[in-house]
């Protein structure tokens, strides 16, 4: 299982790191998750999201 490395990074790069509070909502009943990031940018059209969701997403996180 992966461990949270954020504290280690903050300790090592204290003067160079800024943490953000994101207004995210929990829809998956999980408080933590990890995986390969898949980024999609949509502008008034979610067809790219539909295309990505039709593929195997095991081990991936859609952002």
PDB file of N, CA and C in Angstrom:
ATOM      1  N   UNK A   1       0.835  -1.183   0.000  1.00  0.00           N
ATOM      2  CA  UNK A   1       0.000   0.000   0.000  1.00  0.00           C
ATOM      3  C   UNK A   1       0.880   1.246   0.000  1.00  0.00           C
ATOM      4  N   UNK A   2       0.469   2.240  -0.757  1.00  0.00           N
ATOM      5  CA  UNK A   2       1.225   3.489  -0.808  1.00  0.00           C
ATOM      6  C   UNK A   2       1.060   4.252   0.497  1.00  0.00           C
ATOM      7  N   UNK A   3       2.082   5.028   0.818  1.00  0.00           N
ATOM      8  CA  UNK A   3       1.974   5.871   1.999  1.00  0.00           C
ATOM      9  C   UNK A   3       1.944   7.328   1.553  1.00  0.00           C
ATOM     10  N   UNK A   4       1.414   8.167   2.387  1.00  0.00           N
ATOM     11  CA  UNK A   4       1.325   9.591   2.076  1.00  0.00           C
ATOM     12  C   UNK A   4       2.700  10.226   2.237  1.00  0.00           C
ATOM     13  N   UNK A   5       3.281  10.678   1.125  1.00  0.00           N
ATOM     14  CA  UNK A   5       4.622  11.268   1.179  1.00  0.00           C
ATOM     15  C   UNK A   5       4.576  12.788   1.294  1.00  0.00           C
ATOM     16  N   UNK A   6       3.376  13.367   1.333  1.00  0.00           N
ATOM     17  CA  UNK A   6       3.261  14.824   1.407  1.00  0.00           C
ATOM     18  C   UNK A   6       4.040  15.417   2.576  1.00  0.00           C
ATOM     19  N   UNK A   7       3.949  14.871   3.801  1.00  0.00           N
ATOM     20  CA  UNK A   7       4.728  15.452   4.903  1.00  0.00           C
ATOM     21  C   UNK A   7       6.235  15.424   4.644  1.00  0.00           C
ATOM     22  N   UNK A   8       6.734  14.352   4.041  1.00  0.00           N
ATOM     23  CA  UNK A   8       8.169  14.264   3.745  1.00  0.00           C
ATOM     24  C   UNK A   8       8.592  15.336   2.746  1.00  0.00           C
ATOM     25  N   UNK A   9       7.781  15.533   1.715  1.00  0.00           N
ATOM     26  CA  UNK A   9       8.086  16.555   0.708  1.00  0.00           C
ATOM     27  C   UNK A   9       8.055  17.938   1.344  1.00  0.00           C
ATOM     28  N   UNK A  10       7.049  18.194   2.176  1.00  0.00           N
ATOM     29  CA  UNK A  10       6.942  19.495   2.847  1.00  0.00           C
ATOM     30  C   UNK A  10       8.124  19.746   3.772  1.00  0.00           C
ATOM     31  N   UNK A  11       8.568  18.719   4.471  1.00  0.00           N
ATOM     32  CA  UNK A  11       9.722  18.873   5.358  1.00  0.00           C
ATOM     33  C   UNK A  11      10.994  19.168   4.567  1.00  0.00           C
ATOM     34  N   UNK A  12      11.177  18.463   3.461  1.00  0.00           N
ATOM     35  CA  UNK A  12      12.414  18.607   2.687  1.00  0.00           C
ATOM     36  C   UNK A  12      12.458  19.924   1.908  1.00  0.00           C
ATOM     37  N   UNK A  13      11.300  20.376   1.413  1.00  0.00           N
ATOM     38  CA  UNK A  13      11.246  21.571   0.568  1.00  0.00           C
ATOM     39  C   UNK A  13      10.353  22.643   1.190  1.00  0.00           C
ATOM     40  N   UNK A  14      10.506  22.850   2.484  1.00  0.00           N
ATOM     41  CA  UNK A  14       9.614  23.727   3.249  1.00  0.00           C
ATOM     42  C   UNK A  14       9.426  25.107   2.621  1.00  0.00           C
ATOM     43  N   UNK A  15      10.483  25.716   2.129  1.00  0.00           N
ATOM     44  CA  UNK A  15      10.385  27.076   1.586  1.00  0.00           C
ATOM     45  C   UNK A  15       9.879  27.105   0.144  1.00  0.00           C
ATOM     46  N   UNK A  16       9.731  25.932  -0.484  1.00  0.00           N
ATOM     47  CA  UNK A  16       9.350  25.885  -1.893  1.00  0.00           C
ATOM     48  C   UNK A  16       7.977  25.263  -2.130  1.00  0.00           C
ATOM     49  N   UNK A  17       7.323  24.798  -1.084  1.00  0.00           N
ATOM     50  CA  UNK A  17       6.067  24.065  -1.238  1.00  0.00           C
ATOM     51  C   UNK A  17       4.899  24.895  -0.717  1.00  0.00           C
ATOM     52  N   UNK A  18       3.813  24.901  -1.482  1.00  0.00           N
ATOM     53  CA  UNK A  18       2.565  25.514  -1.047  1.00  0.00           C
ATOM     54  C   UNK A  18       1.463  24.477  -1.185  1.00  0.00           C
ATOM     55  N   UNK A  19       0.687  24.288  -0.148  1.00  0.00           N
ATOM     56  CA  UNK A  19      -0.426  23.343  -0.186  1.00  0.00           C
ATOM     57  C   UNK A  19      -1.726  24.090  -0.426  1.00  0.00           C
ATOM     58  N   UNK A  20      -2.607  23.492  -1.192  1.00  0.00           N
ATOM     59  CA  UNK A  20      -3.892  24.102  -1.517  1.00  0.00           C
ATOM     60  C   UNK A  20      -5.026  23.330  -0.870  1.00  0.00           C
ATOM     61  N   UNK A  21      -6.037  24.047  -0.425  1.00  0.00           N
ATOM     62  CA  UNK A  21      -7.276  23.430   0.028  1.00  0.00           C
ATOM     63  C   UNK A  21      -8.212  23.414  -1.174  1.00  0.00           C
ATOM     64  N   UNK A  22      -8.576  22.249  -1.632  1.00  0.00           N
ATOM     65  CA  UNK A  22      -9.453  22.141  -2.789  1.00  0.00           C
ATOM     66  C   UNK A  22     -10.881  21.835  -2.343  1.00  0.00           C
ATOM     67  N   UNK A  23     -11.849  22.487  -2.954  1.00  0.00           N
ATOM     68  CA  UNK A  23     -13.249  22.229  -2.594  1.00  0.00           C
ATOM     69  C   UNK A  23     -13.783  20.994  -3.328  1.00  0.00           C
ATOM     70  N   UNK A  24     -13.246  19.840  -3.018  1.00  0.00           N
ATOM     71  CA  UNK A  24     -13.654  18.609  -3.685  1.00  0.00           C
ATOM     72  C   UNK A  24     -14.751  17.919  -2.897  1.00  0.00           C
ATOM     73  N   UNK A  25     -15.607  17.209  -3.611  1.00  0.00           N
ATOM     74  CA  UNK A  25     -16.666  16.440  -2.977  1.00  0.00           C
ATOM     75  C   UNK A  25     -16.362  14.963  -3.114  1.00  0.00           C
ATOM     76  N   UNK A  26     -16.758  14.191  -2.125  1.00  0.00           N
ATOM     77  CA  UNK A  26     -16.530  12.753  -2.124  1.00  0.00           C
ATOM     78  C   UNK A  26     -17.752  12.052  -2.701  1.00  0.00           C
ATOM     79  N   UNK A  27     -17.602  11.443  -3.866  1.00  0.00           N
ATOM     80  CA  UNK A  27     -18.689  10.705  -4.493  1.00  0.00           C
ATOM     81  C   UNK A  27     -18.442   9.204  -4.483  1.00  0.00           C
ATOM     82  N   UNK A  28     -17.230   8.773  -4.163  1.00  0.00           N
ATOM     83  CA  UNK A  28     -16.889   7.363  -4.254  1.00  0.00           C
ATOM     84  C   UNK A  28     -16.775   6.642  -2.934  1.00  0.00           C
ATOM     85  N   UNK A  29     -17.128   7.291  -1.838  1.00  0.00           N
ATOM     86  CA  UNK A  29     -17.079   6.693  -0.504  1.00  0.00           C
ATOM     87  C   UNK A  29     -15.665   6.265  -0.118  1.00  0.00           C
ATOM     88  N   UNK A  30     -14.656   6.927  -0.674  1.00  0.00           N
ATOM     89  CA  UNK A  30     -13.264   6.645  -0.319  1.00  0.00           C
ATOM     90  C   UNK A  30     -12.615   7.943   0.128  1.00  0.00           C
ATOM     91  N   UNK A  31     -11.854   7.862   1.209  1.00  0.00           N
ATOM     92  CA  UNK A  31     -11.192   9.069   1.707  1.00  0.00           C
ATOM     93  C   UNK A  31      -9.806   9.256   1.094  1.00  0.00           C
ATOM     94  N   UNK A  32      -9.252   8.214   0.474  1.00  0.00           N
ATOM     95  CA  UNK A  32      -7.943   8.303  -0.171  1.00  0.00           C
ATOM     96  C   UNK A  32      -7.899   7.326  -1.341  1.00  0.00           C
ATOM     97  N   UNK A  33      -7.164   7.691  -2.374  1.00  0.00           N
ATOM     98  CA  UNK A  33      -6.994   6.821  -3.535  1.00  0.00           C
ATOM     99  C   UNK A  33      -5.737   7.253  -4.271  1.00  0.00           C
ATOM    100  N   UNK A  34      -5.264   6.416  -5.163  1.00  0.00           N
ATOM    101  CA  UNK A  34      -4.083   6.731  -5.942  1.00  0.00           C
ATOM    102  C   UNK A  34      -4.157   5.961  -7.243  1.00  0.00           C
ATOM    103  N   UNK A  35      -3.325   6.365  -8.179  1.00  0.00           N
ATOM    104  CA  UNK A  35      -3.266   5.691  -9.467  1.00  0.00           C
ATOM    105  C   UNK A  35      -2.639   6.601 -10.505  1.00  0.00           C
ATOM    106  N   UNK A  36      -2.550   6.082 -11.705  1.00  0.00           N
ATOM    107  CA  UNK A  36      -2.027   6.866 -12.820  1.00  0.00           C
ATOM    108  C   UNK A  36      -3.026   7.981 -13.121  1.00  0.00           C
ATOM    109  N   UNK A  37      -2.545   9.214 -13.227  1.00  0.00           N
ATOM    110  CA  UNK A  37      -3.407  10.357 -13.508  1.00  0.00           C
ATOM    111  C   UNK A  37      -3.679  10.421 -15.006  1.00  0.00           C
ATOM    112  N   UNK A  38      -4.951  10.556 -15.353  1.00  0.00           N
ATOM    113  CA  UNK A  38      -5.366  10.783 -16.734  1.00  0.00           C
ATOM    114  C   UNK A  38      -6.095  12.122 -16.736  1.00  0.00           C
ATOM    115  N   UNK A  39      -5.535  13.100 -17.422  1.00  0.00           N
ATOM    116  CA  UNK A  39      -6.098  14.449 -17.426  1.00  0.00           C
ATOM    117  C   UNK A  39      -6.856  14.686 -18.721  1.00  0.00           C
ATOM    118  N   UNK A  40      -8.036  15.265 -18.593  1.00  0.00           N
ATOM    119  CA  UNK A  40      -8.814  15.625 -19.775  1.00  0.00           C
ATOM    120  C   UNK A  40      -9.321  17.051 -19.585  1.00  0.00           C
ATOM    121  N   UNK A  41      -9.229  17.827 -20.630  1.00  0.00           N
ATOM    122  CA  UNK A  41      -9.721  19.203 -20.589  1.00  0.00           C
ATOM    123  C   UNK A  41     -10.957  19.286 -21.482  1.00  0.00           C
ATOM    124  N   UNK A  42     -12.031  19.761 -20.910  1.00  0.00           N
ATOM    125  CA  UNK A  42     -13.296  19.880 -21.639  1.00  0.00           C
ATOM    126  C   UNK A  42     -13.743  21.333 -21.628  1.00  0.00           C
ATOM    127  N   UNK A  43     -14.175  21.801 -22.752  1.00  0.00           N
ATOM    128  CA  UNK A  43     -14.714  23.149 -22.837  1.00  0.00           C
ATOM    129  C   UNK A  43     -16.054  23.067 -23.554  1.00  0.00           C
ATOM    130  N   UNK A  44     -17.115  23.113 -22.797  1.00  0.00           N
ATOM    131  CA  UNK A  44     -18.483  23.044 -23.314  1.00  0.00           C
ATOM    132  C   UNK A  44     -18.788  21.746 -24.063  1.00  0.00           C
ATOM    133  N   UNK A  45     -18.007  20.704 -23.800  1.00  0.00           N
ATOM    134  CA  UNK A  45     -18.235  19.431 -24.488  1.00  0.00           C
ATOM    135  C   UNK A  45     -17.603  18.315 -23.665  1.00  0.00           C
ATOM    136  N   UNK A  46     -18.415  17.368 -23.221  1.00  0.00           N
ATOM    137  CA  UNK A  46     -17.874  16.286 -22.392  1.00  0.00           C
ATOM    138  C   UNK A  46     -17.636  15.002 -23.183  1.00  0.00           C
ATOM    139  N   UNK A  47     -17.570  15.089 -24.505  1.00  0.00           N
ATOM    140  CA  UNK A  47     -17.369  13.888 -25.317  1.00  0.00           C
ATOM    141  C   UNK A  47     -16.016  13.228 -25.024  1.00  0.00           C
ATOM    142  N   UNK A  48     -15.017  14.014 -24.662  1.00  0.00           N
ATOM    143  CA  UNK A  48     -13.707  13.437 -24.328  1.00  0.00           C
ATOM    144  C   UNK A  48     -13.789  12.615 -23.049  1.00  0.00           C
ATOM    145  N   UNK A  49     -14.587  13.080 -22.087  1.00  0.00           N
ATOM    146  CA  UNK A  49     -14.783  12.318 -20.848  1.00  0.00           C
ATOM    147  C   UNK A  49     -15.474  11.002 -21.167  1.00  0.00           C
ATOM    148  N   UNK A  50     -16.517  11.044 -21.980  1.00  0.00           N
ATOM    149  CA  UNK A  50     -17.230   9.824 -22.366  1.00  0.00           C
ATOM    150  C   UNK A  50     -16.288   8.843 -23.059  1.00  0.00           C
ATOM    151  N   UNK A  51     -15.415   9.356 -23.915  1.00  0.00           N
ATOM    152  CA  UNK A  51     -14.462   8.499 -24.627  1.00  0.00           C
ATOM    153  C   UNK A  51     -13.510   7.812 -23.645  1.00  0.00           C
ATOM    154  N   UNK A  52     -12.974   8.563 -22.701  1.00  0.00           N
ATOM    155  CA  UNK A  52     -12.042   7.996 -21.722  1.00  0.00           C
ATOM    156  C   UNK A  52     -12.752   6.998 -20.821  1.00  0.00           C
ATOM    157  N   UNK A  53     -13.984   7.308 -20.412  1.00  0.00           N
ATOM    158  CA  UNK A  53     -14.722   6.409 -19.528  1.00  0.00           C
ATOM    159  C   UNK A  53     -15.111   5.104 -20.215  1.00  0.00           C
ATOM    160  N   UNK A  54     -15.111   5.077 -21.541  1.00  0.00           N
ATOM    161  CA  UNK A  54     -15.430   3.844 -22.260  1.00  0.00           C
ATOM    162  C   UNK A  54     -14.232   2.887 -22.304  1.00  0.00           C
ATOM    163  N   UNK A  55     -13.050   3.376 -21.898  1.00  0.00           N
ATOM    164  CA  UNK A  55     -11.839   2.555 -21.889  1.00  0.00           C
ATOM    165  C   UNK A  55     -11.632   1.930 -20.511  1.00  0.00           C
ATOM    166  N   UNK A  56     -10.718   0.983 -20.427  1.00  0.00           N
ATOM    167  CA  UNK A  56     -10.383   0.359 -19.149  1.00  0.00           C
ATOM    168  C   UNK A  56      -9.688   1.394 -18.263  1.00  0.00           C
ATOM    169  N   UNK A  57     -10.272   1.673 -17.111  1.00  0.00           N
ATOM    170  CA  UNK A  57      -9.713   2.671 -16.212  1.00  0.00           C
ATOM    171  C   UNK A  57      -9.104   2.099 -14.950  1.00  0.00           C
ATOM    172  N   UNK A  58      -8.886   0.798 -14.927  1.00  0.00           N
ATOM    173  CA  UNK A  58      -8.354   0.166 -13.714  1.00  0.00           C
ATOM    174  C   UNK A  58      -6.999   0.771 -13.349  1.00  0.00           C
ATOM    175  N   UNK A  59      -6.881   1.232 -12.100  1.00  0.00           N
ATOM    176  CA  UNK A  59      -5.633   1.807 -11.615  1.00  0.00           C
ATOM    177  C   UNK A  59      -5.394   3.236 -12.052  1.00  0.00           C
ATOM    178  N   UNK A  60      -6.426   3.890 -12.597  1.00  0.00           N
ATOM    179  CA  UNK A  60      -6.265   5.253 -13.100  1.00  0.00           C
ATOM    180  C   UNK A  60      -7.202   6.209 -12.367  1.00  0.00           C
ATOM    181  N   UNK A  61      -6.818   7.475 -12.360  1.00  0.00           N
ATOM    182  CA  UNK A  61      -7.611   8.532 -11.743  1.00  0.00           C
ATOM    183  C   UNK A  61      -7.866   9.589 -12.809  1.00  0.00           C
ATOM    184  N   UNK A  62      -9.130   9.838 -13.109  1.00  0.00           N
ATOM    185  CA  UNK A  62      -9.492  10.836 -14.118  1.00  0.00           C
ATOM    186  C   UNK A  62      -9.600  12.197 -13.452  1.00  0.00           C
ATOM    187  N   UNK A  63      -8.842  13.146 -14.001  1.00  0.00           N
ATOM    188  CA  UNK A  63      -8.842  14.514 -13.470  1.00  0.00           C
ATOM    189  C   UNK A  63      -9.285  15.445 -14.570  1.00  0.00           C
TER     190      UNK A  63
END
